[in-house]
Amino acid sequence: LPIPAVRRRLRLADGLTQRQLAETLQ
């Protein structure tokens, strides 16, 4: 996996929230 800071940047670059990822990944 990419480093944690890049994980967050990727999510934000696509306009996704942590809640959206959480729901998708269950």
mmCIF file of all heavy atoms, coordinates in Angstrom:
data_MODEL
# 
_entry.id   MODEL 
# 
loop_
_atom_site.group_PDB 
_atom_site.id 
_atom_site.type_symbol 
_atom_site.label_atom_id 
_atom_site.label_alt_id 
_atom_site.label_comp_id 
_atom_site.label_asym_id 
_atom_site.label_entity_id 
_atom_site.label_seq_id 
_atom_site.pdbx_PDB_ins_code 
_atom_site.Cartn_x 
_atom_site.Cartn_y 
_atom_site.Cartn_z 
_atom_site.occupancy 
_atom_site.B_iso_or_equiv 
_atom_site.pdbx_formal_charge 
_atom_site.auth_seq_id 
_atom_site.auth_comp_id 
_atom_site.auth_asym_id 
_atom_site.auth_atom_id 
_atom_site.pdbx_PDB_model_num 
ATOM 1   N N   . LEU A 1 1  ? 0.842   -1.189 0.000  1.00 0.00 ? 1  LEU A N   1 
ATOM 2   C CA  . LEU A 1 1  ? 0.000   0.000  0.000  1.00 0.00 ? 1  LEU A CA  1 
ATOM 3   C C   . LEU A 1 1  ? 0.879   1.241  0.000  1.00 0.00 ? 1  LEU A C   1 
ATOM 4   O O   . LEU A 1 1  ? 2.004   1.206  0.496  1.00 0.00 ? 1  LEU A O   1 
ATOM 5   C CB  . LEU A 1 1  ? -0.870  0.011  1.256  1.00 0.00 ? 1  LEU A CB  1 
ATOM 6   C CG  . LEU A 1 1  ? -1.860  -1.131 1.423  1.00 0.00 ? 1  LEU A CG  1 
ATOM 7   C CD1 . LEU A 1 1  ? -2.481  -1.083 2.808  1.00 0.00 ? 1  LEU A CD1 1 
ATOM 8   C CD2 . LEU A 1 1  ? -2.935  -1.058 0.368  1.00 0.00 ? 1  LEU A CD2 1 
ATOM 9   N N   . PRO A 1 2  ? 0.363   2.347  -0.521 1.00 0.00 ? 2  PRO A N   1 
ATOM 10  C CA  . PRO A 1 2  ? 1.122   3.589  -0.401 1.00 0.00 ? 2  PRO A CA  1 
ATOM 11  C C   . PRO A 1 2  ? 1.194   4.010  1.065  1.00 0.00 ? 2  PRO A C   1 
ATOM 12  O O   . PRO A 1 2  ? 0.441   3.503  1.908  1.00 0.00 ? 2  PRO A O   1 
ATOM 13  C CB  . PRO A 1 2  ? 0.316   4.593  -1.226 1.00 0.00 ? 2  PRO A CB  1 
ATOM 14  C CG  . PRO A 1 2  ? -1.011  3.986  -1.451 1.00 0.00 ? 2  PRO A CG  1 
ATOM 15  C CD  . PRO A 1 2  ? -0.886  2.514  -1.235 1.00 0.00 ? 2  PRO A CD  1 
ATOM 16  N N   . ILE A 1 3  ? 2.082   4.938  1.355  1.00 0.00 ? 3  ILE A N   1 
ATOM 17  C CA  . ILE A 1 3  ? 2.191   5.410  2.733  1.00 0.00 ? 3  ILE A CA  1 
ATOM 18  C C   . ILE A 1 3  ? 0.873   6.060  3.149  1.00 0.00 ? 3  ILE A C   1 
ATOM 19  O O   . ILE A 1 3  ? 0.089   6.514  2.297  1.00 0.00 ? 3  ILE A O   1 
ATOM 20  C CB  . ILE A 1 3  ? 3.379   6.370  2.909  1.00 0.00 ? 3  ILE A CB  1 
ATOM 21  C CG1 . ILE A 1 3  ? 3.195   7.631  2.073  1.00 0.00 ? 3  ILE A CG1 1 
ATOM 22  C CG2 . ILE A 1 3  ? 4.697   5.671  2.590  1.00 0.00 ? 3  ILE A CG2 1 
ATOM 23  C CD1 . ILE A 1 3  ? 4.210   8.723  2.383  1.00 0.00 ? 3  ILE A CD1 1 
ATOM 24  N N   . PRO A 1 4  ? 0.599   6.125  4.448  1.00 0.00 ? 4  PRO A N   1 
ATOM 25  C CA  . PRO A 1 4  ? -0.693  6.651  4.908  1.00 0.00 ? 4  PRO A CA  1 
ATOM 26  C C   . PRO A 1 4  ? -1.041  8.040  4.372  1.00 0.00 ? 4  PRO A C   1 
ATOM 27  O O   . PRO A 1 4  ? -2.185  8.278  3.992  1.00 0.00 ? 4  PRO A O   1 
ATOM 28  C CB  . PRO A 1 4  ? -0.532  6.648  6.431  1.00 0.00 ? 4  PRO A CB  1 
ATOM 29  C CG  . PRO A 1 4  ? 0.374   5.480  6.686  1.00 0.00 ? 4  PRO A CG  1 
ATOM 30  C CD  . PRO A 1 4  ? 1.368   5.539  5.559  1.00 0.00 ? 4  PRO A CD  1 
ATOM 31  N N   . ALA A 1 5  ? -0.079  8.942  4.311  1.00 0.00 ? 5  ALA A N   1 
ATOM 32  C CA  . ALA A 1 5  ? -0.380  10.300 3.825  1.00 0.00 ? 5  ALA A CA  1 
ATOM 33  C C   . ALA A 1 5  ? -0.867  10.281 2.377  1.00 0.00 ? 5  ALA A C   1 
ATOM 34  O O   . ALA A 1 5  ? -1.761  11.050 2.003  1.00 0.00 ? 5  ALA A O   1 
ATOM 35  C CB  . ALA A 1 5  ? 0.857   11.190 3.957  1.00 0.00 ? 5  ALA A CB  1 
ATOM 36  N N   . VAL A 1 6  ? -0.318  9.409  1.567  1.00 0.00 ? 6  VAL A N   1 
ATOM 37  C CA  . VAL A 1 6  ? -0.739  9.305  0.168  1.00 0.00 ? 6  VAL A CA  1 
ATOM 38  C C   . VAL A 1 6  ? -2.124  8.667  0.089  1.00 0.00 ? 6  VAL A C   1 
ATOM 39  O O   . VAL A 1 6  ? -2.954  9.047  -0.753 1.00 0.00 ? 6  VAL A O   1 
ATOM 40  C CB  . VAL A 1 6  ? 0.297   8.531  -0.667 1.00 0.00 ? 6  VAL A CB  1 
ATOM 41  C CG1 . VAL A 1 6  ? -0.219  8.234  -2.066 1.00 0.00 ? 6  VAL A CG1 1 
ATOM 42  C CG2 . VAL A 1 6  ? 1.604   9.310  -0.736 1.00 0.00 ? 6  VAL A CG2 1 
ATOM 43  N N   . ARG A 1 7  ? -2.419  7.735  0.959  1.00 0.00 ? 7  ARG A N   1 
ATOM 44  C CA  . ARG A 1 7  ? -3.763  7.125  0.990  1.00 0.00 ? 7  ARG A CA  1 
ATOM 45  C C   . ARG A 1 7  ? -4.821  8.206  1.166  1.00 0.00 ? 7  ARG A C   1 
ATOM 46  O O   . ARG A 1 7  ? -5.833  8.238  0.460  1.00 0.00 ? 7  ARG A O   1 
ATOM 47  C CB  . ARG A 1 7  ? -3.868  6.117  2.139  1.00 0.00 ? 7  ARG A CB  1 
ATOM 48  C CG  . ARG A 1 7  ? -2.915  4.969  2.059  1.00 0.00 ? 7  ARG A CG  1 
ATOM 49  C CD  . ARG A 1 7  ? -2.961  4.140  3.324  1.00 0.00 ? 7  ARG A CD  1 
ATOM 50  N NE  . ARG A 1 7  ? -1.792  3.280  3.408  1.00 0.00 ? 7  ARG A NE  1 
ATOM 51  C CZ  . ARG A 1 7  ? -1.507  2.496  4.434  1.00 0.00 ? 7  ARG A CZ  1 
ATOM 52  N NH1 . ARG A 1 7  ? -2.316  2.437  5.466  1.00 0.00 ? 7  ARG A NH1 1 
ATOM 53  N NH2 . ARG A 1 7  ? -0.427  1.755  4.442  1.00 0.00 ? 7  ARG A NH2 1 
ATOM 54  N N   . ARG A 1 8  ? -4.571  9.099  2.121  1.00 0.00 ? 8  ARG A N   1 
ATOM 55  C CA  . ARG A 1 8  ? -5.510  10.179 2.408  1.00 0.00 ? 8  ARG A CA  1 
ATOM 56  C C   . ARG A 1 8  ? -5.612  11.121 1.213  1.00 0.00 ? 8  ARG A C   1 
ATOM 57  O O   . ARG A 1 8  ? -6.713  11.526 0.816  1.00 0.00 ? 8  ARG A O   1 
ATOM 58  C CB  . ARG A 1 8  ? -5.048  10.932 3.657  1.00 0.00 ? 8  ARG A CB  1 
ATOM 59  C CG  . ARG A 1 8  ? -5.957  12.074 4.051  1.00 0.00 ? 8  ARG A CG  1 
ATOM 60  C CD  . ARG A 1 8  ? -5.469  12.723 5.362  1.00 0.00 ? 8  ARG A CD  1 
ATOM 61  N NE  . ARG A 1 8  ? -6.397  13.729 5.802  1.00 0.00 ? 8  ARG A NE  1 
ATOM 62  C CZ  . ARG A 1 8  ? -6.370  15.013 5.402  1.00 0.00 ? 8  ARG A CZ  1 
ATOM 63  N NH1 . ARG A 1 8  ? -5.459  15.423 4.546  1.00 0.00 ? 8  ARG A NH1 1 
ATOM 64  N NH2 . ARG A 1 8  ? -7.259  15.860 5.848  1.00 0.00 ? 8  ARG A NH2 1 
ATOM 65  N N   . ARG A 1 9  ? -4.470  11.490 0.631  1.00 0.00 ? 9  ARG A N   1 
ATOM 66  C CA  . ARG A 1 9  ? -4.476  12.400 -0.515 1.00 0.00 ? 9  ARG A CA  1 
ATOM 67  C C   . ARG A 1 9  ? -5.241  11.811 -1.692 1.00 0.00 ? 9  ARG A C   1 
ATOM 68  O O   . ARG A 1 9  ? -5.948  12.534 -2.395 1.00 0.00 ? 9  ARG A O   1 
ATOM 69  C CB  . ARG A 1 9  ? -3.046  12.738 -0.925 1.00 0.00 ? 9  ARG A CB  1 
ATOM 70  C CG  . ARG A 1 9  ? -2.397  13.718 0.033  1.00 0.00 ? 9  ARG A CG  1 
ATOM 71  C CD  . ARG A 1 9  ? -1.014  14.138 -0.331 1.00 0.00 ? 9  ARG A CD  1 
ATOM 72  N NE  . ARG A 1 9  ? -0.698  14.023 -1.726 1.00 0.00 ? 9  ARG A NE  1 
ATOM 73  C CZ  . ARG A 1 9  ? 0.534   14.038 -2.203 1.00 0.00 ? 9  ARG A CZ  1 
ATOM 74  N NH1 . ARG A 1 9  ? 1.544   14.165 -1.401 1.00 0.00 ? 9  ARG A NH1 1 
ATOM 75  N NH2 . ARG A 1 9  ? 0.752   13.935 -3.492 1.00 0.00 ? 9  ARG A NH2 1 
ATOM 76  N N   . LEU A 1 10 ? -5.105  10.525 -1.921 1.00 0.00 ? 10 LEU A N   1 
ATOM 77  C CA  . LEU A 1 10 ? -5.833  9.886  -3.023 1.00 0.00 ? 10 LEU A CA  1 
ATOM 78  C C   . LEU A 1 10 ? -7.338  9.955  -2.789 1.00 0.00 ? 10 LEU A C   1 
ATOM 79  O O   . LEU A 1 10 ? -8.107  10.249 -3.711 1.00 0.00 ? 10 LEU A O   1 
ATOM 80  C CB  . LEU A 1 10 ? -5.374  8.436  -3.194 1.00 0.00 ? 10 LEU A CB  1 
ATOM 81  C CG  . LEU A 1 10 ? -3.993  8.262  -3.802 1.00 0.00 ? 10 LEU A CG  1 
ATOM 82  C CD1 . LEU A 1 10 ? -3.527  6.814  -3.659 1.00 0.00 ? 10 LEU A CD1 1 
ATOM 83  C CD2 . LEU A 1 10 ? -3.992  8.681  -5.265 1.00 0.00 ? 10 LEU A CD2 1 
ATOM 84  N N   . ARG A 1 11 ? -7.744  9.694  -1.557 1.00 0.00 ? 11 ARG A N   1 
ATOM 85  C CA  . ARG A 1 11 ? -9.172  9.751  -1.236 1.00 0.00 ? 11 ARG A CA  1 
ATOM 86  C C   . ARG A 1 11 ? -9.702  11.161 -1.452 1.00 0.00 ? 11 ARG A C   1 
ATOM 87  O O   . ARG A 1 11 ? -10.737 11.372 -2.101 1.00 0.00 ? 11 ARG A O   1 
ATOM 88  C CB  . ARG A 1 11 ? -9.412  9.303  0.214  1.00 0.00 ? 11 ARG A CB  1 
ATOM 89  C CG  . ARG A 1 11 ? -10.869 9.452  0.655  1.00 0.00 ? 11 ARG A CG  1 
ATOM 90  C CD  . ARG A 1 11 ? -11.094 9.044  2.089  1.00 0.00 ? 11 ARG A CD  1 
ATOM 91  N NE  . ARG A 1 11 ? -10.290 9.755  3.062  1.00 0.00 ? 11 ARG A NE  1 
ATOM 92  C CZ  . ARG A 1 11 ? -10.544 10.990 3.505  1.00 0.00 ? 11 ARG A CZ  1 
ATOM 93  N NH1 . ARG A 1 11 ? -11.571 11.687 3.027  1.00 0.00 ? 11 ARG A NH1 1 
ATOM 94  N NH2 . ARG A 1 11 ? -9.768  11.556 4.415  1.00 0.00 ? 11 ARG A NH2 1 
ATOM 95  N N   . LEU A 1 12 ? -8.970  12.144 -0.925 1.00 0.00 ? 12 LEU A N   1 
ATOM 96  C CA  . LEU A 1 12 ? -9.411  13.531 -1.039 1.00 0.00 ? 12 LEU A CA  1 
ATOM 97  C C   . LEU A 1 12 ? -9.393  14.016 -2.485 1.00 0.00 ? 12 LEU A C   1 
ATOM 98  O O   . LEU A 1 12 ? -10.262 14.799 -2.889 1.00 0.00 ? 12 LEU A O   1 
ATOM 99  C CB  . LEU A 1 12 ? -8.531  14.433 -0.165 1.00 0.00 ? 12 LEU A CB  1 
ATOM 100 C CG  . LEU A 1 12 ? -8.674  14.219 1.349  1.00 0.00 ? 12 LEU A CG  1 
ATOM 101 C CD1 . LEU A 1 12 ? -7.646  15.040 2.104  1.00 0.00 ? 12 LEU A CD1 1 
ATOM 102 C CD2 . LEU A 1 12 ? -10.089 14.526 1.806  1.00 0.00 ? 12 LEU A CD2 1 
ATOM 103 N N   . ALA A 1 13 ? -8.429  13.572 -3.268 1.00 0.00 ? 13 ALA A N   1 
ATOM 104 C CA  . ALA A 1 13 ? -8.342  13.981 -4.678 1.00 0.00 ? 13 ALA A CA  1 
ATOM 105 C C   . ALA A 1 13 ? -9.586  13.564 -5.447 1.00 0.00 ? 13 ALA A C   1 
ATOM 106 O O   . ALA A 1 13 ? -9.980  14.235 -6.406 1.00 0.00 ? 13 ALA A O   1 
ATOM 107 C CB  . ALA A 1 13 ? -7.096  13.378 -5.324 1.00 0.00 ? 13 ALA A CB  1 
ATOM 108 N N   . ASP A 1 14 ? -10.214 12.489 -5.023 1.00 0.00 ? 14 ASP A N   1 
ATOM 109 C CA  . ASP A 1 14 ? -11.428 12.028 -5.701 1.00 0.00 ? 14 ASP A CA  1 
ATOM 110 C C   . ASP A 1 14 ? -12.693 12.543 -5.020 1.00 0.00 ? 14 ASP A C   1 
ATOM 111 O O   . ASP A 1 14 ? -13.794 12.180 -5.419 1.00 0.00 ? 14 ASP A O   1 
ATOM 112 C CB  . ASP A 1 14 ? -11.442 10.496 -5.760 1.00 0.00 ? 14 ASP A CB  1 
ATOM 113 C CG  . ASP A 1 14 ? -12.257 9.977  -6.932 1.00 0.00 ? 14 ASP A CG  1 
ATOM 114 O OD1 . ASP A 1 14 ? -11.957 10.375 -8.080 1.00 0.00 ? 14 ASP A OD1 1 
ATOM 115 O OD2 . ASP A 1 14 ? -13.194 9.191  -6.701 1.00 0.00 ? 14 ASP A OD2 1 
ATOM 116 N N   . GLY A 1 15 ? -12.530 13.342 -3.981 1.00 0.00 ? 15 GLY A N   1 
ATOM 117 C CA  . GLY A 1 15 ? -13.690 13.916 -3.299 1.00 0.00 ? 15 GLY A CA  1 
ATOM 118 C C   . GLY A 1 15 ? -14.458 12.924 -2.450 1.00 0.00 ? 15 GLY A C   1 
ATOM 119 O O   . GLY A 1 15 ? -15.648 13.114 -2.193 1.00 0.00 ? 15 GLY A O   1 
ATOM 120 N N   . LEU A 1 16 ? -13.802 11.872 -2.022 1.00 0.00 ? 16 LEU A N   1 
ATOM 121 C CA  . LEU A 1 16 ? -14.463 10.846 -1.209 1.00 0.00 ? 16 LEU A CA  1 
ATOM 122 C C   . LEU A 1 16 ? -14.285 11.140 0.274  1.00 0.00 ? 16 LEU A C   1 
ATOM 123 O O   . LEU A 1 16 ? -13.259 11.667 0.693  1.00 0.00 ? 16 LEU A O   1 
ATOM 124 C CB  . LEU A 1 16 ? -13.886 9.467  -1.527 1.00 0.00 ? 16 LEU A CB  1 
ATOM 125 C CG  . LEU A 1 16 ? -14.064 8.978  -2.960 1.00 0.00 ? 16 LEU A CG  1 
ATOM 126 C CD1 . LEU A 1 16 ? -13.245 7.722  -3.197 1.00 0.00 ? 16 LEU A CD1 1 
ATOM 127 C CD2 . LEU A 1 16 ? -15.539 8.733  -3.251 1.00 0.00 ? 16 LEU A CD2 1 
ATOM 128 N N   . THR A 1 17 ? -15.282 10.752 1.045  1.00 0.00 ? 17 THR A N   1 
ATOM 129 C CA  . THR A 1 17 ? -15.186 10.883 2.498  1.00 0.00 ? 17 THR A CA  1 
ATOM 130 C C   . THR A 1 17 ? -14.737 9.553  3.101  1.00 0.00 ? 17 THR A C   1 
ATOM 131 O O   . THR A 1 17 ? -14.835 8.496  2.456  1.00 0.00 ? 17 THR A O   1 
ATOM 132 C CB  . THR A 1 17 ? -16.545 11.265 3.121  1.00 0.00 ? 17 THR A CB  1 
ATOM 133 O OG1 . THR A 1 17 ? -17.465 10.171 2.921  1.00 0.00 ? 17 THR A OG1 1 
ATOM 134 C CG2 . THR A 1 17 ? -17.108 12.546 2.500  1.00 0.00 ? 17 THR A CG2 1 
ATOM 135 N N   . GLN A 1 18 ? -14.276 9.630  4.329  1.00 0.00 ? 18 GLN A N   1 
ATOM 136 C CA  . GLN A 1 18 ? -13.911 8.397  5.033  1.00 0.00 ? 18 GLN A CA  1 
ATOM 137 C C   . GLN A 1 18 ? -15.149 7.505  5.191  1.00 0.00 ? 18 GLN A C   1 
ATOM 138 O O   . GLN A 1 18 ? -15.044 6.286  5.091  1.00 0.00 ? 18 GLN A O   1 
ATOM 139 C CB  . GLN A 1 18 ? -13.293 8.711  6.395  1.00 0.00 ? 18 GLN A CB  1 
ATOM 140 C CG  . GLN A 1 18 ? -11.916 9.324  6.276  1.00 0.00 ? 18 GLN A CG  1 
ATOM 141 C CD  . GLN A 1 18 ? -11.325 9.728  7.612  1.00 0.00 ? 18 GLN A CD  1 
ATOM 142 O OE1 . GLN A 1 18 ? -12.041 9.939  8.585  1.00 0.00 ? 18 GLN A OE1 1 
ATOM 143 N NE2 . GLN A 1 18 ? -10.010 9.847  7.651  1.00 0.00 ? 18 GLN A NE2 1 
ATOM 144 N N   . ARG A 1 19 ? -16.284 8.120  5.404  1.00 0.00 ? 19 ARG A N   1 
ATOM 145 C CA  . ARG A 1 19 ? -17.526 7.348  5.545  1.00 0.00 ? 19 ARG A CA  1 
ATOM 146 C C   . ARG A 1 19 ? -17.846 6.591  4.261  1.00 0.00 ? 19 ARG A C   1 
ATOM 147 O O   . ARG A 1 19 ? -18.245 5.428  4.298  1.00 0.00 ? 19 ARG A O   1 
ATOM 148 C CB  . ARG A 1 19 ? -18.690 8.252  5.938  1.00 0.00 ? 19 ARG A CB  1 
ATOM 149 C CG  . ARG A 1 19 ? -20.012 7.497  6.104  1.00 0.00 ? 19 ARG A CG  1 
ATOM 150 C CD  . ARG A 1 19 ? -21.098 8.313  6.751  1.00 0.00 ? 19 ARG A CD  1 
ATOM 151 N NE  . ARG A 1 19 ? -20.801 8.759  8.085  1.00 0.00 ? 19 ARG A NE  1 
ATOM 152 C CZ  . ARG A 1 19 ? -20.793 7.991  9.179  1.00 0.00 ? 19 ARG A CZ  1 
ATOM 153 N NH1 . ARG A 1 19 ? -21.053 6.717  9.072  1.00 0.00 ? 19 ARG A NH1 1 
ATOM 154 N NH2 . ARG A 1 19 ? -20.525 8.497  10.364 1.00 0.00 ? 19 ARG A NH2 1 
ATOM 155 N N   . GLN A 1 20 ? -17.669 7.211  3.105  1.00 0.00 ? 20 GLN A N   1 
ATOM 156 C CA  . GLN A 1 20 ? -17.931 6.534  1.833  1.00 0.00 ? 20 GLN A CA  1 
ATOM 157 C C   . GLN A 1 20 ? -17.009 5.327  1.648  1.00 0.00 ? 20 GLN A C   1 
ATOM 158 O O   . GLN A 1 20 ? -17.465 4.267  1.226  1.00 0.00 ? 20 GLN A O   1 
ATOM 159 C CB  . GLN A 1 20 ? -17.745 7.510  0.663  1.00 0.00 ? 20 GLN A CB  1 
ATOM 160 C CG  . GLN A 1 20 ? -18.840 8.535  0.539  1.00 0.00 ? 20 GLN A CG  1 
ATOM 161 C CD  . GLN A 1 20 ? -18.520 9.569  -0.514 1.00 0.00 ? 20 GLN A CD  1 
ATOM 162 O OE1 . GLN A 1 20 ? -17.484 10.214 -0.468 1.00 0.00 ? 20 GLN A OE1 1 
ATOM 163 N NE2 . GLN A 1 20 ? -19.427 9.720  -1.479 1.00 0.00 ? 20 GLN A NE2 1 
ATOM 164 N N   . LEU A 1 21 ? -15.729 5.506  1.959  1.00 0.00 ? 21 LEU A N   1 
ATOM 165 C CA  . LEU A 1 21 ? -14.800 4.379  1.864  1.00 0.00 ? 21 LEU A CA  1 
ATOM 166 C C   . LEU A 1 21 ? -15.199 3.281  2.828  1.00 0.00 ? 21 LEU A C   1 
ATOM 167 O O   . LEU A 1 21 ? -15.188 2.099  2.477  1.00 0.00 ? 21 LEU A O   1 
ATOM 168 C CB  . LEU A 1 21 ? -13.363 4.830  2.160  1.00 0.00 ? 21 LEU A CB  1 
ATOM 169 C CG  . LEU A 1 21 ? -12.472 5.026  0.957  1.00 0.00 ? 21 LEU A CG  1 
ATOM 170 C CD1 . LEU A 1 21 ? -12.956 6.108  0.050  1.00 0.00 ? 21 LEU A CD1 1 
ATOM 171 C CD2 . LEU A 1 21 ? -11.056 5.272  1.410  1.00 0.00 ? 21 LEU A CD2 1 
ATOM 172 N N   . ALA A 1 22 ? -15.549 3.684  4.038  1.00 0.00 ? 22 ALA A N   1 
ATOM 173 C CA  . ALA A 1 22 ? -15.928 2.700  5.064  1.00 0.00 ? 22 ALA A CA  1 
ATOM 174 C C   . ALA A 1 22 ? -17.148 1.896  4.622  1.00 0.00 ? 22 ALA A C   1 
ATOM 175 O O   . ALA A 1 22 ? -17.175 0.671  4.768  1.00 0.00 ? 22 ALA A O   1 
ATOM 176 C CB  . ALA A 1 22 ? -16.201 3.409  6.393  1.00 0.00 ? 22 ALA A CB  1 
ATOM 177 N N   . GLU A 1 23 ? -18.135 2.566  4.064  1.00 0.00 ? 23 GLU A N   1 
ATOM 178 C CA  . GLU A 1 23 ? -19.333 1.862  3.602  1.00 0.00 ? 23 GLU A CA  1 
ATOM 179 C C   . GLU A 1 23 ? -19.000 0.911  2.459  1.00 0.00 ? 23 GLU A C   1 
ATOM 180 O O   . GLU A 1 23 ? -19.490 -0.211 2.420  1.00 0.00 ? 23 GLU A O   1 
ATOM 181 C CB  . GLU A 1 23 ? -20.401 2.869  3.178  1.00 0.00 ? 23 GLU A CB  1 
ATOM 182 C CG  . GLU A 1 23 ? -21.026 3.603  4.350  1.00 0.00 ? 23 GLU A CG  1 
ATOM 183 C CD  . GLU A 1 23 ? -21.952 4.733  3.937  1.00 0.00 ? 23 GLU A CD  1 
ATOM 184 O OE1 . GLU A 1 23 ? -22.116 4.988  2.720  1.00 0.00 ? 23 GLU A OE1 1 
ATOM 185 O OE2 . GLU A 1 23 ? -22.505 5.389  4.846  1.00 0.00 ? 23 GLU A OE2 1 
ATOM 186 N N   . THR A 1 24 ? -18.155 1.362  1.543  1.00 0.00 ? 24 THR A N   1 
ATOM 187 C CA  . THR A 1 24 ? -17.784 0.526  0.398  1.00 0.00 ? 24 THR A CA  1 
ATOM 188 C C   . THR A 1 24 ? -16.999 -0.702 0.847  1.00 0.00 ? 24 THR A C   1 
ATOM 189 O O   . THR A 1 24 ? -17.244 -1.811 0.370  1.00 0.00 ? 24 THR A O   1 
ATOM 190 C CB  . THR A 1 24 ? -16.947 1.337  -0.610 1.00 0.00 ? 24 THR A CB  1 
ATOM 191 O OG1 . THR A 1 24 ? -17.745 2.440  -1.056 1.00 0.00 ? 24 THR A OG1 1 
ATOM 192 C CG2 . THR A 1 24 ? -16.514 0.494  -1.783 1.00 0.00 ? 24 THR A CG2 1 
ATOM 193 N N   . LEU A 1 25 ? -16.057 -0.501 1.766  1.00 0.00 ? 25 LEU A N   1 
ATOM 194 C CA  . LEU A 1 25 ? -15.202 -1.598 2.230  1.00 0.00 ? 25 LEU A CA  1 
ATOM 195 C C   . LEU A 1 25 ? -15.815 -2.373 3.400  1.00 0.00 ? 25 LEU A C   1 
ATOM 196 O O   . LEU A 1 25 ? -15.227 -3.337 3.877  1.00 0.00 ? 25 LEU A O   1 
ATOM 197 C CB  . LEU A 1 25 ? -13.818 -1.053 2.620  1.00 0.00 ? 25 LEU A CB  1 
ATOM 198 C CG  . LEU A 1 25 ? -13.034 -0.430 1.467  1.00 0.00 ? 25 LEU A CG  1 
ATOM 199 C CD1 . LEU A 1 25 ? -11.780 0.256  1.982  1.00 0.00 ? 25 LEU A CD1 1 
ATOM 200 C CD2 . LEU A 1 25 ? -12.687 -1.480 0.423  1.00 0.00 ? 25 LEU A CD2 1 
ATOM 201 N N   . GLN A 1 26 ? -16.971 -1.913 3.865  1.00 0.00 ? 26 GLN A N   1 
ATOM 202 C CA  . GLN A 1 26 ? -17.697 -2.560 4.959  1.00 0.00 ? 26 GLN A CA  1 
ATOM 203 C C   . GLN A 1 26 ? -16.876 -2.609 6.245  1.00 0.00 ? 26 GLN A C   1 
ATOM 204 O O   . GLN A 1 26 ? -16.737 -3.650 6.891  1.00 0.00 ? 26 GLN A O   1 
ATOM 205 C CB  . GLN A 1 26 ? -18.183 -3.944 4.539  1.00 0.00 ? 26 GLN A CB  1 
ATOM 206 C CG  . GLN A 1 26 ? -19.109 -3.881 3.351  1.00 0.00 ? 26 GLN A CG  1 
ATOM 207 C CD  . GLN A 1 26 ? -19.566 -5.236 2.858  1.00 0.00 ? 26 GLN A CD  1 
ATOM 208 O OE1 . GLN A 1 26 ? -19.273 -6.266 3.455  1.00 0.00 ? 26 GLN A OE1 1 
ATOM 209 N NE2 . GLN A 1 26 ? -20.288 -5.259 1.768  1.00 0.00 ? 26 GLN A NE2 1 
# 
